[in-house]
Amino acid sequence: MRKAIRSILGAFRGVFGPEMTSAELERRLAPRPGPPGKLTMVALLGDSRDRELLARVAGEQQWTVHWAFACGDCGNLARQSRAQIVLCDRELAGVPWREVLQMIVSTKQRIYGILVSKVADDYLWNEVIRWGGHDVLTAPLREEEVLRAIRLGWSYWNSTMRTPSLMVNPDVSRSR
């Protein structure tokens, strides 16, 4: 059995690059341990009512929320707290939401990104997906929608995002 696995891993070496050993590949493919049943999120929300609602819901659900007050803080807080979910307000001044969302979800750490917007339609939802996000919540936030989105994000993160992405070696894919 072990020999068969090593053979399969050897076949992947061309995709992942010749410098990656079988042990390294096995380690990358193994599930990463996450916080033991504890949901942690970072919220970058401009509206005080939205912050109050999220704080209340998070307290009731025993979720941990770290509050970011600037776009740069958001990425740092997500990394330091090992947050699984990040909520980003579309209306924040300074940096376009696309850049913030892409910065957050492009880290080595796997994060479920949610955009909070006063306007939410299919076009925006598709754009959020294209930029690496996962969901859109309509502002002002409503408790039922927050619960739905965060629970869905937590479930999705636990089932798929704990495993590291399988990045394809661009040099190999171009040569085919």
Protein backbone atom coordinates (compact mmCIF):
# COMPACT_ATOMS: atom_id res chain seq x y z
CA MET A 1 0.00 0.00 0.00
CA ARG A 2 2.74 2.46 0.99
CA LYS A 3 4.65 1.61 -2.19
CA ALA A 4 1.55 2.34 -4.31
CA ILE A 5 1.09 5.72 -2.61
CA ARG A 6 4.73 6.62 -3.20
CA SER A 7 4.32 5.65 -6.86
CA ILE A 8 1.28 7.91 -7.21
CA LEU A 9 3.09 10.74 -5.43
CA GLY A 10 6.01 10.26 -7.79
CA ALA A 11 3.67 10.82 -10.72
CA PHE A 12 2.58 14.14 -9.18
CA ARG A 13 6.17 15.33 -8.88
CA GLY A 14 6.08 16.74 -12.41
CA VAL A 15 3.04 18.82 -11.57
CA PHE A 16 4.36 20.14 -8.26
CA GLY A 17 7.96 20.61 -9.33
CA PRO A 18 11.01 18.35 -9.18
CA GLU A 19 12.34 19.93 -5.97
CA MET A 20 9.42 18.63 -3.86
CA THR A 21 10.13 15.33 -2.10
CA SER A 22 7.51 12.65 -1.50
CA ALA A 23 7.57 13.40 2.23
CA GLU A 24 6.99 17.11 1.52
CA LEU A 25 4.11 16.30 -0.81
CA GLU A 26 2.56 13.94 1.77
CA ARG A 27 2.85 16.67 4.39
CA ARG A 28 1.20 19.26 2.10
CA LEU A 29 -1.67 16.93 1.27
CA ALA A 30 -2.34 15.95 4.90
CA PRO A 31 -5.23 17.76 6.61
CA ARG A 32 -4.06 20.71 8.65
CA PRO A 33 -5.14 20.81 12.24
CA GLY A 34 -7.34 23.79 12.92
CA PRO A 35 -8.56 25.31 16.13
CA PRO A 36 -10.46 22.67 18.08
CA GLY A 37 -14.04 23.55 17.19
CA LYS A 38 -13.54 27.30 17.64
CA LEU A 39 -14.65 29.67 14.90
CA THR A 40 -12.50 32.78 14.59
CA MET A 41 -13.22 35.62 12.21
CA VAL A 42 -11.95 39.06 11.33
CA ALA A 43 -14.47 41.79 10.53
CA LEU A 44 -13.72 45.00 8.67
CA LEU A 45 -17.09 46.77 8.89
CA GLY A 46 -17.69 50.50 8.61
CA ASP A 47 -21.22 50.68 10.04
CA SER A 48 -21.48 50.68 13.85
CA ARG A 49 -24.89 48.92 13.75
CA ASP A 50 -23.39 46.10 11.68
CA ARG A 51 -20.51 45.80 14.16
CA GLU A 52 -22.94 45.72 17.09
CA LEU A 53 -25.11 43.03 15.48
CA LEU A 54 -22.10 40.87 14.61
CA ALA A 55 -20.66 41.29 18.12
CA ARG A 56 -23.97 40.24 19.70
CA VAL A 57 -24.45 37.23 17.40
CA ALA A 58 -20.82 36.17 17.84
CA GLY A 59 -21.17 36.36 21.62
CA GLU A 60 -24.32 34.25 21.56
CA GLN A 61 -22.67 31.68 19.28
CA GLN A 62 -19.33 31.78 21.14
CA TRP A 63 -17.44 32.87 18.05
CA THR A 64 -14.31 34.97 18.34
CA VAL A 65 -14.31 38.24 16.38
CA HIS A 66 -11.23 40.37 15.80
CA TRP A 67 -12.08 43.87 14.62
CA ALA A 68 -10.06 45.48 11.85
CA PHE A 69 -10.33 49.22 11.36
CA ALA A 70 -8.21 49.54 8.22
CA CYS A 71 -7.62 47.38 5.17
CA GLY A 72 -4.00 46.65 6.11
CA ASP A 73 -5.06 45.53 9.59
CA CYS A 74 -7.45 43.00 8.12
CA GLY A 75 -4.81 40.77 6.56
CA ASN A 76 -2.48 41.02 9.56
CA LEU A 77 -5.26 40.18 12.02
CA ALA A 78 -6.41 37.24 9.90
CA ARG A 79 -2.89 35.77 9.87
CA GLN A 80 -2.16 36.42 13.56
CA SER A 81 -5.50 35.06 14.78
CA ARG A 82 -5.59 32.19 12.25
CA ALA A 83 -9.11 33.32 11.34
CA GLN A 84 -11.15 31.03 9.13
CA ILE A 85 -13.62 33.71 7.98
CA VAL A 86 -13.17 37.36 7.05
CA LEU A 87 -15.99 39.86 6.50
CA CYS A 88 -15.03 42.89 4.41
CA ASP A 89 -17.22 45.98 3.93
CA ARG A 90 -17.48 47.07 0.30
CA GLU A 91 -18.10 50.71 1.23
CA LEU A 92 -14.76 51.34 2.96
CA ALA A 93 -12.72 54.20 1.61
CA GLY A 94 -9.10 53.87 0.68
CA VAL A 95 -8.53 50.53 -1.01
CA PRO A 96 -10.97 48.95 -3.49
CA TRP A 97 -12.79 45.95 -2.00
CA ARG A 98 -11.44 43.69 -4.78
CA GLU A 99 -7.87 44.30 -3.65
CA VAL A 100 -8.70 43.74 0.01
CA LEU A 101 -10.57 40.52 -0.75
CA GLN A 102 -7.82 39.23 -3.01
CA MET A 103 -5.13 40.10 -0.43
CA ILE A 104 -7.04 38.20 2.26
CA VAL A 105 -7.80 35.04 0.31
CA SER A 106 -4.43 34.83 -1.46
CA THR A 107 -2.43 34.10 1.68
CA LYS A 108 -1.10 30.62 2.46
CA GLN A 109 -3.72 30.45 5.17
CA ARG A 110 -7.07 29.34 3.79
CA ILE A 111 -9.79 31.93 4.47
CA TYR A 112 -13.49 32.06 3.63
CA GLY A 113 -14.09 35.62 2.41
CA ILE A 114 -17.46 37.38 2.71
CA LEU A 115 -18.17 40.78 1.19
CA VAL A 116 -20.71 43.02 2.96
CA SER A 117 -22.48 45.36 0.54
CA LYS A 118 -25.54 47.60 0.39
CA VAL A 119 -26.13 46.25 -3.10
CA ALA A 120 -26.13 42.49 -3.60
CA ASP A 121 -27.07 40.97 -6.92
CA ASP A 122 -25.94 38.10 -9.13
CA TYR A 123 -23.38 40.29 -10.90
CA LEU A 124 -21.69 41.26 -7.62
CA TRP A 125 -21.83 37.70 -6.29
CA ASN A 126 -20.12 36.43 -9.47
CA GLU A 127 -17.50 39.17 -9.19
CA VAL A 128 -16.81 38.24 -5.54
CA ILE A 129 -16.31 34.61 -6.58
CA ARG A 130 -14.00 35.69 -9.42
CA TRP A 131 -11.85 37.69 -6.95
CA GLY A 132 -11.51 34.72 -4.59
CA GLY A 133 -14.35 35.44 -2.16
CA HIS A 134 -17.13 33.08 -1.24
CA ASP A 135 -20.29 34.95 -0.28
CA VAL A 136 -22.06 38.33 -0.16
CA LEU A 137 -24.08 39.68 2.77
CA THR A 138 -26.45 42.60 2.31
CA ALA A 139 -25.96 45.65 4.54
CA PRO A 140 -27.39 46.54 6.93
CA LEU A 141 -26.72 43.10 8.36
CA ARG A 142 -29.61 40.93 9.49
CA GLU A 143 -29.16 38.28 12.13
CA GLU A 144 -30.63 35.39 10.12
CA GLU A 145 -28.41 36.15 7.13
CA VAL A 146 -25.30 36.53 9.28
CA LEU A 147 -25.99 33.18 10.96
CA ARG A 148 -26.57 31.51 7.58
CA ALA A 149 -23.44 32.93 5.96
CA ILE A 150 -21.10 32.32 8.89
CA ARG A 151 -22.38 28.78 9.50
CA LEU A 152 -22.06 27.99 5.80
CA GLY A 153 -18.55 29.46 5.77
CA TRP A 154 -17.54 27.48 8.86
CA SER A 155 -18.94 24.26 7.39
CA TYR A 156 -17.23 24.88 4.05
CA TRP A 157 -13.93 25.75 5.72
CA ASN A 158 -14.04 22.60 7.86
CA SER A 159 -14.85 20.35 4.92
CA THR A 160 -12.62 21.76 2.18
CA MET A 161 -10.38 24.62 3.17
CA ARG A 162 -8.42 22.90 5.92
CA THR A 163 -6.54 21.01 3.22
CA PRO A 164 -3.88 23.08 1.46
CA SER A 165 -4.51 23.94 -2.16
CA LEU A 166 -2.80 21.87 -4.81
CA MET A 167 -0.98 24.56 -6.68
CA VAL A 168 -0.02 23.50 -10.18
CA ASN A 169 3.53 24.24 -11.20
CA PRO A 170 3.04 26.88 -13.96
CA ASP A 171 6.22 25.82 -15.80
CA VAL A 172 4.95 22.25 -16.18
CA SER A 173 1.44 23.23 -17.28
CA ARG A 174 2.80 25.61 -19.95
CA SER A 175 5.09 22.99 -21.45
CA ARG A 176 2.26 20.62 -22.26
